[in-house]
Protein backbone atom coordinates (compact mmCIF):
# COMPACT_ATOMS: atom_id res chain seq x y z
CA MET A 1 3.23 3.82 9.03
CA ILE A 2 3.14 5.38 5.57
CA TRP A 3 5.18 8.46 6.51
CA THR A 4 7.71 6.32 8.35
CA GLY A 5 8.13 4.14 5.27
CA ILE A 6 8.52 7.15 2.99
CA ALA A 7 11.10 8.75 5.29
CA ALA A 8 13.09 5.52 5.61
CA VAL A 9 13.17 4.91 1.85
CA VAL A 10 14.17 8.50 1.05
CA MET A 11 16.92 8.60 3.68
CA PHE A 12 18.34 5.22 2.66
CA TYR A 13 18.49 5.94 -1.06
CA VAL A 14 19.85 9.47 -0.56
CA ALA A 15 22.61 8.00 1.61
CA CYS A 16 23.34 5.31 -1.00
CA SER A 17 23.49 7.93 -3.74
CA ILE A 18 25.92 10.06 -1.73
CA ILE A 19 28.13 7.03 -1.04
CA GLN A 20 28.20 6.11 -4.74
CA ILE A 21 28.99 9.68 -5.82
CA ILE A 22 31.79 10.07 -3.27
CA ALA A 23 33.31 6.71 -4.18
CA ALA A 24 33.17 7.47 -7.90
CA VAL A 25 34.79 10.90 -7.47
CA ARG A 26 37.52 9.59 -5.18
CA LYS A 27 38.36 6.74 -7.55
CA ASP A 28 38.74 9.12 -10.50
CA TYR A 29 40.98 11.56 -8.60
CA ASN A 30 43.20 8.90 -7.05
CA LYS A 31 44.33 7.50 -10.40
CA SER A 32 46.56 9.37 -12.76
CA ALA A 33 46.09 9.25 -16.53
CA LEU A 34 49.26 7.16 -16.89
CA GLU A 35 48.16 4.43 -14.50
CA SER A 36 44.79 3.77 -16.07
CA PRO A 37 44.18 4.93 -19.63
CA GLN A 38 40.54 3.89 -19.46
CA PRO A 39 38.44 4.95 -16.49
CA THR A 40 37.05 2.10 -14.44
CA ALA A 41 33.84 2.17 -12.48
CA PRO A 42 34.05 1.57 -8.75
CA THR A 43 32.61 -1.70 -7.48
CA PHE A 44 29.69 -1.52 -5.10
CA SER A 45 28.82 -5.17 -4.57
CA GLY A 46 28.24 -4.77 -0.82
CA LEU A 47 26.14 -1.66 -1.36
CA PHE A 48 24.08 -3.40 -4.05
CA VAL A 49 23.37 -6.32 -1.71
CA ALA A 50 22.27 -3.88 1.00
CA GLN A 51 20.02 -2.07 -1.48
CA GLY A 52 18.48 -5.36 -2.60
CA ILE A 53 17.74 -6.46 0.95
CA PHE A 54 16.35 -3.03 1.84
CA SER A 55 14.21 -2.98 -1.30
CA LEU A 56 12.76 -6.42 -0.55
CA SER A 57 11.99 -5.50 3.05
CA THR A 58 10.33 -2.21 2.08
CA ASP A 59 8.25 -4.04 -0.54
CA PHE A 60 6.89 -6.34 2.16
CA TYR A 61 6.42 -3.39 4.50
CA ILE A 62 4.37 -1.56 1.88
CA LEU A 63 2.33 -4.73 1.31
CA ILE A 64 1.65 -5.19 5.03
CA ILE A 65 0.26 -1.66 5.55
CA PRO A 66 -3.09 -2.21 3.77
CA ILE A 67 -3.42 -5.78 5.06
CA HIS A 68 -2.97 -4.51 8.62
CA LEU A 69 -5.71 -1.94 8.04
CA VAL A 70 -8.11 -4.40 6.36
CA VAL A 71 -7.89 -6.83 9.29
CA ARG A 72 -9.05 -4.05 11.62
CA LEU A 73 -12.12 -3.22 9.46
CA ASN A 74 -15.61 -4.17 10.55
CA LEU A 75 -16.28 -6.61 7.70
CA PRO A 76 -17.34 -10.25 7.54
CA LEU A 77 -14.44 -12.70 7.49
CA TYR A 78 -14.96 -13.77 3.85
CA ARG A 79 -14.79 -10.14 2.69
CA LYS A 80 -11.63 -9.51 4.72
CA ILE A 81 -10.05 -12.57 3.11
CA GLY A 82 -11.13 -11.35 -0.33
CA VAL A 83 -9.76 -7.83 0.16
CA CYS A 84 -6.50 -9.18 1.63
CA GLY A 85 -6.27 -11.58 -1.32
CA LEU A 86 -6.63 -8.63 -3.66
CA PHE A 87 -3.68 -6.87 -2.02
CA LEU A 88 -1.66 -10.11 -1.94
CA THR A 89 -1.80 -10.29 -5.74
CA GLY A 90 1.03 -7.77 -5.54
CA LEU A 91 3.33 -10.65 -4.55
CA SER A 92 3.24 -12.12 -8.03
């Protein structure tokens, strides 16, 4: 679960970085100096929304990993609840 999460996060953010770099380079080369005296940054509103959703989902995924493992431990119920509560403090 941990290696899958690491691989997914790395691949997603590398892809997002490549998309942003390509879009920024294309926008600069497609405009001449006469059309736009001041360079403008490309807009990535859709990409930013996707990154936000992906970030939120990976945060919950990372939070679920230890809780999933604690539930499978051979501990009394009150200790499981306490250890899970400790990990759930990451929500705040």
